[in-house]
PDB file of N, CA and C in Angstrom:
ATOM      1  N   MET A   1      18.401  -2.228  -2.014  1.00  0.00           N
ATOM      2  CA  MET A   1      17.899  -1.030  -1.366  1.00  0.00           C
ATOM      3  C   MET A   1      16.598  -0.510  -1.985  1.00  0.00           C
ATOM      4  N   PRO A   2      16.431  -0.534  -3.323  1.00  0.00           N
ATOM      5  CA  PRO A   2      15.177  -0.025  -3.876  1.00  0.00           C
ATOM      6  C   PRO A   2      13.957  -0.828  -3.409  1.00  0.00           C
ATOM      7  N   TRP A   3      14.135  -2.105  -3.149  1.00  0.00           N
ATOM      8  CA  TRP A   3      13.014  -2.917  -2.666  1.00  0.00           C
ATOM      9  C   TRP A   3      12.610  -2.513  -1.255  1.00  0.00           C
ATOM     10  N   ILE A   4      13.576  -2.179  -0.426  1.00  0.00           N
ATOM     11  CA  ILE A   4      13.266  -1.729   0.938  1.00  0.00           C
ATOM     12  C   ILE A   4      12.536  -0.391   0.882  1.00  0.00           C
ATOM     13  N   ILE A   5      13.024   0.508   0.032  1.00  0.00           N
ATOM     14  CA  ILE A   5      12.372   1.813  -0.149  1.00  0.00           C
ATOM     15  C   ILE A   5      10.942   1.612  -0.645  1.00  0.00           C
ATOM     16  N   LEU A   6      10.762   0.685  -1.584  1.00  0.00           N
ATOM     17  CA  LEU A   6       9.429   0.415  -2.113  1.00  0.00           C
ATOM     18  C   LEU A   6       8.514  -0.156  -1.034  1.00  0.00           C
ATOM     19  N   LEU A   7       9.032  -1.023  -0.193  1.00  0.00           N
ATOM     20  CA  LEU A   7       8.241  -1.576   0.914  1.00  0.00           C
ATOM     21  C   LEU A   7       7.779  -0.456   1.851  1.00  0.00           C
ATOM     22  N   ILE A   8       8.688   0.432   2.199  1.00  0.00           N
ATOM     23  CA  ILE A   8       8.337   1.552   3.080  1.00  0.00           C
ATOM     24  C   ILE A   8       7.301   2.451   2.410  1.00  0.00           C
ATOM     25  N   ALA A   9       7.467   2.693   1.109  1.00  0.00           N
ATOM     26  CA  ALA A   9       6.481   3.498   0.366  1.00  0.00           C
ATOM     27  C   ALA A   9       5.112   2.839   0.432  1.00  0.00           C
ATOM     28  N   GLY A  10       5.071   1.529   0.285  1.00  0.00           N
ATOM     29  CA  GLY A  10       3.801   0.806   0.370  1.00  0.00           C
ATOM     30  C   GLY A  10       3.178   0.892   1.752  1.00  0.00           C
ATOM     31  N   LEU A  11       4.015   0.859   2.786  1.00  0.00           N
ATOM     32  CA  LEU A  11       3.497   0.986   4.149  1.00  0.00           C
ATOM     33  C   LEU A  11       2.922   2.373   4.390  1.00  0.00           C
ATOM     34  N   PHE A  12       3.566   3.395   3.822  1.00  0.00           N
ATOM     35  CA  PHE A  12       2.996   4.739   3.921  1.00  0.00           C
ATOM     36  C   PHE A  12       1.667   4.826   3.169  1.00  0.00           C
ATOM     37  N   GLU A  13       1.506   4.031   2.123  1.00  0.00           N
ATOM     38  CA  GLU A  13       0.221   4.012   1.424  1.00  0.00           C
ATOM     39  C   GLU A  13      -0.875   3.466   2.342  1.00  0.00           C
ATOM     40  N   VAL A  14      -0.537   2.444   3.125  1.00  0.00           N
ATOM     41  CA  VAL A  14      -1.504   1.908   4.094  1.00  0.00           C
ATOM     42  C   VAL A  14      -1.868   2.985   5.117  1.00  0.00           C
ATOM     43  N   VAL A  15      -0.864   3.740   5.566  1.00  0.00           N
ATOM     44  CA  VAL A  15      -1.114   4.806   6.543  1.00  0.00           C
ATOM     45  C   VAL A  15      -2.058   5.847   5.957  1.00  0.00           C
ATOM     46  N   TRP A  16      -1.779   6.298   4.726  1.00  0.00           N
ATOM     47  CA  TRP A  16      -2.646   7.356   4.194  1.00  0.00           C
ATOM     48  C   TRP A  16      -4.044   6.854   3.888  1.00  0.00           C
ATOM     49  N   ALA A  17      -4.187   5.610   3.459  1.00  0.00           N
ATOM     50  CA  ALA A  17      -5.530   5.089   3.202  1.00  0.00           C
ATOM     51  C   ALA A  17      -6.328   4.988   4.500  1.00  0.00           C
ATOM     52  N   THR A  18      -5.668   4.522   5.558  1.00  0.00           N
ATOM     53  CA  THR A  18      -6.324   4.400   6.858  1.00  0.00           C
ATOM     54  C   THR A  18      -6.678   5.774   7.420  1.00  0.00           C
ATOM     55  N   ALA A  19      -5.738   6.710   7.307  1.00  0.00           N
ATOM     56  CA  ALA A  19      -5.994   8.065   7.797  1.00  0.00           C
ATOM     57  C   ALA A  19      -7.107   8.730   6.999  1.00  0.00           C
ATOM     58  N   MET A  20      -7.165   8.451   5.702  1.00  0.00           N
ATOM     59  CA  MET A  20      -8.223   9.029   4.878  1.00  0.00           C
ATOM     60  C   MET A  20      -9.582   8.524   5.346  1.00  0.00           C
ATOM     61  N   LYS A  21      -9.679   7.256   5.667  1.00  0.00           N
ATOM     62  CA  LYS A  21     -10.931   6.710   6.200  1.00  0.00           C
ATOM     63  C   LYS A  21     -11.286   7.420   7.502  1.00  0.00           C
ATOM     64  N   SER A  22     -10.292   7.635   8.362  1.00  0.00           N
ATOM     65  CA  SER A  22     -10.521   8.300   9.646  1.00  0.00           C
ATOM     66  C   SER A  22     -10.834   9.784   9.504  1.00  0.00           C
ATOM     67  N   SER A  23     -10.475  10.376   8.377  1.00  0.00           N
ATOM     68  CA  SER A  23     -10.703  11.813   8.185  1.00  0.00           C
ATOM     69  C   SER A  23     -12.171  12.149   7.951  1.00  0.00           C
ATOM     70  N   GLU A  24     -12.973  11.117   7.706  1.00  0.00           N
ATOM     71  CA  GLU A  24     -14.409  11.314   7.459  1.00  0.00           C
ATOM     72  C   GLU A  24     -14.657  12.344   6.356  1.00  0.00           C
ATOM     73  N   GLY A  25     -14.063  12.043   5.193  1.00  0.00           N
ATOM     74  CA  GLY A  25     -14.251  12.939   4.050  1.00  0.00           C
ATOM     75  C   GLY A  25     -13.493  14.243   4.184  1.00  0.00           C
ATOM     76  N   PHE A  26     -12.340  14.195   4.816  1.00  0.00           N
ATOM     77  CA  PHE A  26     -11.471  15.357   5.048  1.00  0.00           C
ATOM     78  C   PHE A  26     -12.138  16.412   5.925  1.00  0.00           C
ATOM     79  N   THR A  27     -13.012  15.980   6.822  1.00  0.00           N
ATOM     80  CA  THR A  27     -13.663  16.919   7.735  1.00  0.00           C
ATOM     81  C   THR A  27     -12.959  16.978   9.087  1.00  0.00           C
ATOM     82  N   ARG A  28     -12.039  16.064   9.355  1.00  0.00           N
ATOM     83  CA  ARG A  28     -11.286  16.054  10.615  1.00  0.00           C
ATOM     84  C   ARG A  28      -9.843  16.450  10.308  1.00  0.00           C
ATOM     85  N   PRO A  29      -9.339  17.545  10.887  1.00  0.00           N
ATOM     86  CA  PRO A  29      -8.027  18.077  10.523  1.00  0.00           C
ATOM     87  C   PRO A  29      -6.853  17.133  10.796  1.00  0.00           C
ATOM     88  N   GLY A  30      -6.836  16.477  11.941  1.00  0.00           N
ATOM     89  CA  GLY A  30      -5.703  15.601  12.272  1.00  0.00           C
ATOM     90  C   GLY A  30      -5.506  14.483  11.263  1.00  0.00           C
ATOM     91  N   PRO A  31      -6.525  13.652  11.054  1.00  0.00           N
ATOM     92  CA  PRO A  31      -6.380  12.595  10.058  1.00  0.00           C
ATOM     93  C   PRO A  31      -6.159  13.123   8.633  1.00  0.00           C
ATOM     94  N   THR A  32      -6.722  14.293   8.336  1.00  0.00           N
ATOM     95  CA  THR A  32      -6.513  14.881   7.010  1.00  0.00           C
ATOM     96  C   THR A  32      -5.046  15.238   6.806  1.00  0.00           C
ATOM     97  N   LEU A  33      -4.441  15.866   7.806  1.00  0.00           N
ATOM     98  CA  LEU A  33      -3.013  16.208   7.699  1.00  0.00           C
ATOM     99  C   LEU A  33      -2.144  14.956   7.628  1.00  0.00           C
ATOM    100  N   LEU A  34      -2.492  13.927   8.411  1.00  0.00           N
ATOM    101  CA  LEU A  34      -1.750  12.669   8.352  1.00  0.00           C
ATOM    102  C   LEU A  34      -1.874  12.033   6.971  1.00  0.00           C
ATOM    103  N   THR A  35      -3.069  12.093   6.392  1.00  0.00           N
ATOM    104  CA  THR A  35      -3.266  11.570   5.037  1.00  0.00           C
ATOM    105  C   THR A  35      -2.326  12.251   4.059  1.00  0.00           C
ATOM    106  N   LEU A  36      -2.306  13.574   4.091  1.00  0.00           N
ATOM    107  CA  LEU A  36      -1.466  14.330   3.148  1.00  0.00           C
ATOM    108  C   LEU A  36       0.017  14.065   3.356  1.00  0.00           C
ATOM    109  N   ALA A  37       0.456  14.026   4.607  1.00  0.00           N
ATOM    110  CA  ALA A  37       1.880  13.769   4.894  1.00  0.00           C
ATOM    111  C   ALA A  37       2.280  12.368   4.451  1.00  0.00           C
ATOM    112  N   ALA A  38       1.437  11.385   4.734  1.00  0.00           N
ATOM    113  CA  ALA A  38       1.760  10.008   4.341  1.00  0.00           C
ATOM    114  C   ALA A  38       1.729   9.849   2.825  1.00  0.00           C
ATOM    115  N   MET A  39       0.828  10.575   2.147  1.00  0.00           N
ATOM    116  CA  MET A  39       0.794  10.539   0.678  1.00  0.00           C
ATOM    117  C   MET A  39       2.094  11.076   0.094  1.00  0.00           C
ATOM    118  N   ILE A  40       2.542  12.197   0.611  1.00  0.00           N
ATOM    119  CA  ILE A  40       3.787  12.793   0.119  1.00  0.00           C
ATOM    120  C   ILE A  40       4.953  11.832   0.331  1.00  0.00           C
ATOM    121  N   ALA A  41       5.033  11.246   1.528  1.00  0.00           N
ATOM    122  CA  ALA A  41       6.112  10.293   1.810  1.00  0.00           C
ATOM    123  C   ALA A  41       6.013   9.080   0.894  1.00  0.00           C
ATOM    124  N   SER A  42       4.810   8.556   0.719  1.00  0.00           N
ATOM    125  CA  SER A  42       4.618   7.365  -0.100  1.00  0.00           C
ATOM    126  C   SER A  42       5.005   7.615  -1.559  1.00  0.00           C
ATOM    127  N   PHE A  43       4.495   8.705  -2.127  1.00  0.00           N
ATOM    128  CA  PHE A  43       4.817   9.018  -3.518  1.00  0.00           C
ATOM    129  C   PHE A  43       6.299   9.340  -3.697  1.00  0.00           C
ATOM    130  N   GLY A  44       6.877  10.056  -2.743  1.00  0.00           N
ATOM    131  CA  GLY A  44       8.296  10.382  -2.833  1.00  0.00           C
ATOM    132  C   GLY A  44       9.175   9.143  -2.809  1.00  0.00           C
ATOM    133  N   LEU A  45       8.867   8.219  -1.911  1.00  0.00           N
ATOM    134  CA  LEU A  45       9.651   6.982  -1.833  1.00  0.00           C
ATOM    135  C   LEU A  45       9.413   6.100  -3.058  1.00  0.00           C
ATOM    136  N   LEU A  46       8.188   6.076  -3.569  1.00  0.00           N
ATOM    137  CA  LEU A  46       7.915   5.330  -4.798  1.00  0.00           C
ATOM    138  C   LEU A  46       8.756   5.884  -5.943  1.00  0.00           C
ATOM    139  N   ALA A  47       8.799   7.192  -6.065  1.00  0.00           N
ATOM    140  CA  ALA A  47       9.604   7.814  -7.123  1.00  0.00           C
ATOM    141  C   ALA A  47      11.074   7.459  -6.975  1.00  0.00           C
ATOM    142  N   TRP A  48      11.559   7.430  -5.739  1.00  0.00           N
ATOM    143  CA  TRP A  48      12.950   7.070  -5.488  1.00  0.00           C
ATOM    144  C   TRP A  48      13.209   5.623  -5.912  1.00  0.00           C
ATOM    145  N   ALA A  49      12.317   4.712  -5.550  1.00  0.00           N
ATOM    146  CA  ALA A  49      12.487   3.306  -5.915  1.00  0.00           C
ATOM    147  C   ALA A  49      12.445   3.121  -7.431  1.00  0.00           C
ATOM    148  N   MET A  50      11.636   3.960  -8.112  1.00  0.00           N
ATOM    149  CA  MET A  50      11.507   3.842  -9.569  1.00  0.00           C
ATOM    150  C   MET A  50      12.764   4.285 -10.312  1.00  0.00           C
ATOM    151  N   ARG A  51      13.695   4.882  -9.620  1.00  0.00           N
ATOM    152  CA  ARG A  51      14.972   5.205 -10.275  1.00  0.00           C
ATOM    153  C   ARG A  51      15.657   3.927 -10.750  1.00  0.00           C
ATOM    154  N   THR A  52      15.435   2.839 -10.024  1.00  0.00           N
ATOM    155  CA  THR A  52      16.108   1.573 -10.312  1.00  0.00           C
ATOM    156  C   THR A  52      15.156   0.501 -10.811  1.00  0.00           C
ATOM    157  N   LEU A  53      13.983   0.422 -10.214  1.00  0.00           N
ATOM    158  CA  LEU A  53      13.040  -0.651 -10.540  1.00  0.00           C
ATOM    159  C   LEU A  53      12.215  -0.302 -11.770  1.00  0.00           C
ATOM    160  N   PRO A  54      11.805  -1.315 -12.526  1.00  0.00           N
ATOM    161  CA  PRO A  54      10.930  -1.063 -13.676  1.00  0.00           C
ATOM    162  C   PRO A  54       9.595  -0.463 -13.222  1.00  0.00           C
ATOM    163  N   LEU A  55       9.035   0.398 -14.036  1.00  0.00           N
ATOM    164  CA  LEU A  55       7.782   1.087 -13.732  1.00  0.00           C
ATOM    165  C   LEU A  55       6.672   0.115 -13.340  1.00  0.00           C
ATOM    166  N   GLY A  56       6.392  -0.845 -14.189  1.00  0.00           N
ATOM    167  CA  GLY A  56       5.290  -1.766 -13.941  1.00  0.00           C
ATOM    168  C   GLY A  56       5.462  -2.559 -12.661  1.00  0.00           C
ATOM    169  N   THR A  57       6.670  -3.031 -12.426  1.00  0.00           N
ATOM    170  CA  THR A  57       6.948  -3.800 -11.214  1.00  0.00           C
ATOM    171  C   THR A  57       6.795  -2.924  -9.981  1.00  0.00           C
ATOM    172  N   ALA A  58       7.423  -1.768  -9.993  1.00  0.00           N
ATOM    173  CA  ALA A  58       7.386  -0.883  -8.824  1.00  0.00           C
ATOM    174  C   ALA A  58       5.955  -0.455  -8.507  1.00  0.00           C
ATOM    175  N   TYR A  59       5.205  -0.054  -9.528  1.00  0.00           N
ATOM    176  CA  TYR A  59       3.854   0.422  -9.281  1.00  0.00           C
ATOM    177  C   TYR A  59       2.948  -0.700  -8.797  1.00  0.00           C
ATOM    178  N   MET A  60       3.080  -1.874  -9.381  1.00  0.00           N
ATOM    179  CA  MET A  60       2.230  -2.987  -8.969  1.00  0.00           C
ATOM    180  C   MET A  60       2.538  -3.410  -7.532  1.00  0.00           C
ATOM    181  N   VAL A  61       3.802  -3.495  -7.192  1.00  0.00           N
ATOM    182  CA  VAL A  61       4.169  -3.899  -5.837  1.00  0.00           C
ATOM    183  C   VAL A  61       3.712  -2.837  -4.841  1.00  0.00           C
ATOM    184  N   TRP A  62       3.927  -1.577  -5.149  1.00  0.00           N
ATOM    185  CA  TRP A  62       3.511  -0.478  -4.267  1.00  0.00           C
ATOM    186  C   TRP A  62       2.005  -0.513  -4.024  1.00  0.00           C
ATOM    187  N   SER A  63       1.244  -0.602  -5.108  1.00  0.00           N
ATOM    188  CA  SER A  63      -0.206  -0.605  -4.945  1.00  0.00           C
ATOM    189  C   SER A  63      -0.687  -1.895  -4.278  1.00  0.00           C
ATOM    190  N   GLY A  64      -0.004  -3.000  -4.520  1.00  0.00           N
ATOM    191  CA  GLY A  64      -0.364  -4.263  -3.881  1.00  0.00           C
ATOM    192  C   GLY A  64      -0.120  -4.244  -2.385  1.00  0.00           C
ATOM    193  N   ILE A  65       1.004  -3.678  -1.973  1.00  0.00           N
ATOM    194  CA  ILE A  65       1.279  -3.543  -0.540  1.00  0.00           C
ATOM    195  C   ILE A  65       0.194  -2.688   0.101  1.00  0.00           C
ATOM    196  N   GLY A  66      -0.151  -1.598  -0.563  1.00  0.00           N
ATOM    197  CA  GLY A  66      -1.208  -0.735  -0.044  1.00  0.00           C
ATOM    198  C   GLY A  66      -2.546  -1.446   0.031  1.00  0.00           C
ATOM    199  N   ALA A  67      -2.876  -2.204  -1.008  1.00  0.00           N
ATOM    200  CA  ALA A  67      -4.165  -2.906  -1.037  1.00  0.00           C
ATOM    201  C   ALA A  67      -4.240  -3.970   0.047  1.00  0.00           C
ATOM    202  N   ILE A  68      -3.209  -4.784   0.149  1.00  0.00           N
ATOM    203  CA  ILE A  68      -3.212  -5.850   1.157  1.00  0.00           C
ATOM    204  C   ILE A  68      -3.140  -5.245   2.558  1.00  0.00           C
ATOM    205  N   GLY A  69      -2.317  -4.231   2.728  1.00  0.00           N
ATOM    206  CA  GLY A  69      -2.203  -3.590   4.038  1.00  0.00           C
ATOM    207  C   GLY A  69      -3.511  -2.971   4.477  1.00  0.00           C
ATOM    208  N   ALA A  70      -4.184  -2.268   3.561  1.00  0.00           N
ATOM    209  CA  ALA A  70      -5.475  -1.664   3.891  1.00  0.00           C
ATOM    210  C   ALA A  70      -6.517  -2.747   4.160  1.00  0.00           C
ATOM    211  N   PHE A  71      -6.450  -3.833   3.433  1.00  0.00           N
ATOM    212  CA  PHE A  71      -7.344  -4.965   3.648  1.00  0.00           C
ATOM    213  C   PHE A  71      -7.172  -5.525   5.059  1.00  0.00           C
ATOM    214  N   VAL A  72      -5.917  -5.716   5.472  1.00  0.00           N
ATOM    215  CA  VAL A  72      -5.630  -6.248   6.815  1.00  0.00           C
ATOM    216  C   VAL A  72      -6.077  -5.260   7.892  1.00  0.00           C
ATOM    217  N   VAL A  73      -5.774  -3.981   7.712  1.00  0.00           N
ATOM    218  CA  VAL A  73      -6.205  -2.969   8.685  1.00  0.00           C
ATOM    219  C   VAL A  73      -7.732  -2.953   8.773  1.00  0.00           C
ATOM    220  N   GLY A  74      -8.394  -3.052   7.642  1.00  0.00           N
ATOM    221  CA  GLY A  74      -9.849  -3.076   7.641  1.00  0.00           C
ATOM    222  C   GLY A  74     -10.408  -4.225   8.465  1.00  0.00           C
ATOM    223  N   ILE A  75      -9.798  -5.387   8.339  1.00  0.00           N
ATOM    224  CA  ILE A  75     -10.261  -6.556   9.088  1.00  0.00           C
ATOM    225  C   ILE A  75      -9.896  -6.450  10.560  1.00  0.00           C
ATOM    226  N   VAL A  76      -8.618  -6.178  10.836  1.00  0.00           N
ATOM    227  CA  VAL A  76      -8.115  -6.216  12.216  1.00  0.00           C
ATOM    228  C   VAL A  76      -8.586  -5.020  13.037  1.00  0.00           C
ATOM    229  N   VAL A  77      -8.546  -3.833  12.454  1.00  0.00           N
ATOM    230  CA  VAL A  77      -8.839  -2.617  13.211  1.00  0.00           C
ATOM    231  C   VAL A  77     -10.303  -2.179  13.068  1.00  0.00           C
ATOM    232  N   LEU A  78     -10.835  -2.266  11.860  1.00  0.00           N
ATOM    233  CA  LEU A  78     -12.171  -1.729  11.605  1.00  0.00           C
ATOM    234  C   LEU A  78     -13.276  -2.782  11.647  1.00  0.00           C
ATOM    235  N   GLY A  79     -12.907  -4.034  11.829  1.00  0.00           N
ATOM    236  CA  GLY A  79     -13.912  -5.089  11.941  1.00  0.00           C
ATOM    237  C   GLY A  79     -14.614  -5.452  10.649  1.00  0.00           C
ATOM    238  N   GLU A  80     -13.961  -5.226   9.514  1.00  0.00           N
ATOM    239  CA  GLU A  80     -14.555  -5.586   8.231  1.00  0.00           C
ATOM    240  C   GLU A  80     -14.556  -7.105   8.055  1.00  0.00           C
ATOM    241  N   ALA A  81     -15.367  -7.585   7.141  1.00  0.00           N
ATOM    242  CA  ALA A  81     -15.534  -9.021   6.934  1.00  0.00           C
ATOM    243  C   ALA A  81     -14.254  -9.680   6.431  1.00  0.00           C
ATOM    244  N   ALA A  82     -14.021 -10.901   6.928  1.00  0.00           N
ATOM    245  CA  ALA A  82     -12.896 -11.719   6.476  1.00  0.00           C
ATOM    246  C   ALA A  82     -13.440 -13.042   5.953  1.00  0.00           C
ATOM    247  N   ASN A  83     -14.337 -12.969   4.980  1.00  0.00           N
ATOM    248  CA  ASN A  83     -14.948 -14.181   4.456  1.00  0.00           C
ATOM    249  C   ASN A  83     -14.050 -14.844   3.410  1.00  0.00           C
ATOM    250  N   PRO A  84     -14.291 -16.101   3.092  1.00  0.00           N
ATOM    251  CA  PRO A  84     -13.416 -16.829   2.163  1.00  0.00           C
ATOM    252  C   PRO A  84     -13.195 -16.155   0.813  1.00  0.00           C
ATOM    253  N   PRO A  85     -14.211 -15.605   0.144  1.00  0.00           N
ATOM    254  CA  PRO A  85     -13.924 -14.957  -1.147  1.00  0.00           C
ATOM    255  C   PRO A  85     -12.965 -13.766  -1.019  1.00  0.00           C
ATOM    256  N   ARG A  86     -13.126 -12.966   0.019  1.00  0.00           N
ATOM    257  CA  ARG A  86     -12.233 -11.810   0.213  1.00  0.00           C
ATOM    258  C   ARG A  86     -10.810 -12.283   0.526  1.00  0.00           C
ATOM    259  N   LEU A  87     -10.687 -13.296   1.354  1.00  0.00           N
ATOM    260  CA  LEU A  87      -9.359 -13.837   1.688  1.00  0.00           C
ATOM    261  C   LEU A  87      -8.695 -14.443   0.459  1.00  0.00           C
ATOM    262  N   PHE A  88      -9.468 -15.126  -0.374  1.00  0.00           N
ATOM    263  CA  PHE A  88      -8.924 -15.701  -1.595  1.00  0.00           C
ATOM    264  C   PHE A  88      -8.451 -14.603  -2.551  1.00  0.00           C
ATOM    265  N   ALA A  89      -9.229 -13.543  -2.668  1.00  0.00           N
ATOM    266  CA  ALA A  89      -8.832 -12.420  -3.526  1.00  0.00           C
ATOM    267  C   ALA A  89      -7.524 -11.805  -3.035  1.00  0.00           C
ATOM    268  N   ALA A  90      -7.380 -11.651  -1.718  1.00  0.00           N
ATOM    269  CA  ALA A  90      -6.145 -11.110  -1.156  1.00  0.00           C
ATOM    270  C   ALA A  90      -4.969 -12.052  -1.435  1.00  0.00           C
ATOM    271  N   LEU A  91      -5.215 -13.343  -1.348  1.00  0.00           N
ATOM    272  CA  LEU A  91      -4.168 -14.327  -1.643  1.00  0.00           C
ATOM    273  C   LEU A  91      -3.716 -14.227  -3.100  1.00  0.00           C
ATOM    274  N   LEU A  92      -4.649 -13.987  -4.000  1.00  0.00           N
ATOM    275  CA  LEU A  92      -4.288 -13.799  -5.403  1.00  0.00           C
ATOM    276  C   LEU A  92      -3.396 -12.570  -5.590  1.00  0.00           C
ATOM    277  N   ILE A  93      -3.698 -11.494  -4.888  1.00  0.00           N
ATOM    278  CA  ILE A  93      -2.874 -10.281  -4.969  1.00  0.00           C
ATOM    279  C   ILE A  93      -1.466 -10.581  -4.463  1.00  0.00           C
ATOM    280  N   VAL A  94      -1.362 -11.254  -3.330  1.00  0.00           N
ATOM    281  CA  VAL A  94      -0.046 -11.597  -2.774  1.00  0.00           C
ATOM    282  C   VAL A  94       0.724 -12.482  -3.752  1.00  0.00           C
ATOM    283  N   GLY A  95       0.052 -13.437  -4.363  1.00  0.00           N
ATOM    284  CA  GLY A  95       0.709 -14.291  -5.360  1.00  0.00           C
ATOM    285  C   GLY A  95       1.235 -13.485  -6.533  1.00  0.00           C
ATOM    286  N   GLY A  96       0.448 -12.544  -7.010  1.00  0.00           N
ATOM    287  CA  GLY A  96       0.901 -11.676  -8.099  1.00  0.00           C
ATOM    288  C   GLY A  96       2.098 -10.836  -7.708  1.00  0.00           C
ATOM    289  N   LEU A  97       2.096 -10.323  -6.475  1.00  0.00           N
ATOM    290  CA  LEU A  97       3.237  -9.538  -5.992  1.00  0.00           C
ATOM    291  C   LEU A  97       4.506 -10.388  -5.951  1.00  0.00           C
ATOM    292  N   LEU A  98       4.374 -11.606  -5.452  1.00  0.00           N
ATOM    293  CA  LEU A  98       5.540 -12.493  -5.386  1.00  0.00           C
ATOM    294  C   LEU A  98       6.072 -12.811  -6.776  1.00  0.00           C
ATOM    295  N   MET A  99       5.173 -13.050  -7.726  1.00  0.00           N
ATOM    296  CA  MET A  99       5.613 -13.337  -9.085  1.00  0.00           C
ATOM    297  C   MET A  99       6.325 -12.141  -9.707  1.00  0.00           C
ATOM    298  N   MET A 100       5.815 -10.922  -9.450  1.00  0.00           N
ATOM    299  CA  MET A 100       6.478  -9.725  -9.970  1.00  0.00           C
ATOM    300  C   MET A 100       7.872  -9.565  -9.374  1.00  0.00           C
ATOM    301  N   LYS A 101       7.973  -9.811  -8.073  1.00  0.00           N
ATOM    302  CA  LYS A 101       9.281  -9.685  -7.413  1.00  0.00           C
ATOM    303  C   LYS A 101      10.261 -10.714  -7.972  1.00  0.00           C
ATOM    304  N   LEU A 102       9.814 -11.946  -8.115  1.00  0.00           N
ATOM    305  CA  LEU A 102      10.688 -13.015  -8.604  1.00  0.00           C
ATOM    306  C   LEU A 102      11.086 -12.822 -10.052  1.00  0.00           C
ATOM    307  N   SER A 103      10.248 -12.157 -10.829  1.00  0.00           N
ATOM    308  CA  SER A 103      10.563 -11.978 -12.258  1.00  0.00           C
ATOM    309  C   SER A 103      11.295 -10.676 -12.552  1.00  0.00           C
ATOM    310  N   SER A 104      11.545  -9.875 -11.530  1.00  0.00           N
ATOM    311  CA  SER A 104      12.197  -8.585 -11.749  1.00  0.00           C
ATOM    312  C   SER A 104      13.716  -8.728 -11.742  1.00  0.00           C
ATOM    313  N   PRO A 105      14.395  -8.123 -12.716  1.00  0.00           N
ATOM    314  CA  PRO A 105      15.859  -8.214 -12.758  1.00  0.00           C
ATOM    315  C   PRO A 105      16.551  -7.386 -11.687  1.00  0.00           C
ATOM    316  N   ALA A 106      15.869  -6.369 -11.135  1.00  0.00           N
ATOM    317  CA  ALA A 106      16.514  -5.472 -10.156  1.00  0.00           C
ATOM    318  C   ALA A 106      16.458  -6.046  -8.765  1.00  0.00           C
TER     319      ALA A 106
END
């Protein structure tokens, strides 16, 4: 269960990062409120998952989900570059996440 909670927390991180980009520096109220709500949900769920999971593992997986998710949203939705070096860097992050998950006792 803590892994599912952590996954959801990471997905909320993608939501708040995307909404923050859409807020245009917190000048648009709708995306700004979505950013704040998703941040609260993300941090709250991360804290819940950390009751069971080790700090380093939970934080790395949470931030990795957010990083990869924001990377994908940037490419798919915002038209950002998907060149080989960026894709390779994302693959390295995913590999690190998998290693953390496999090495975690929880």
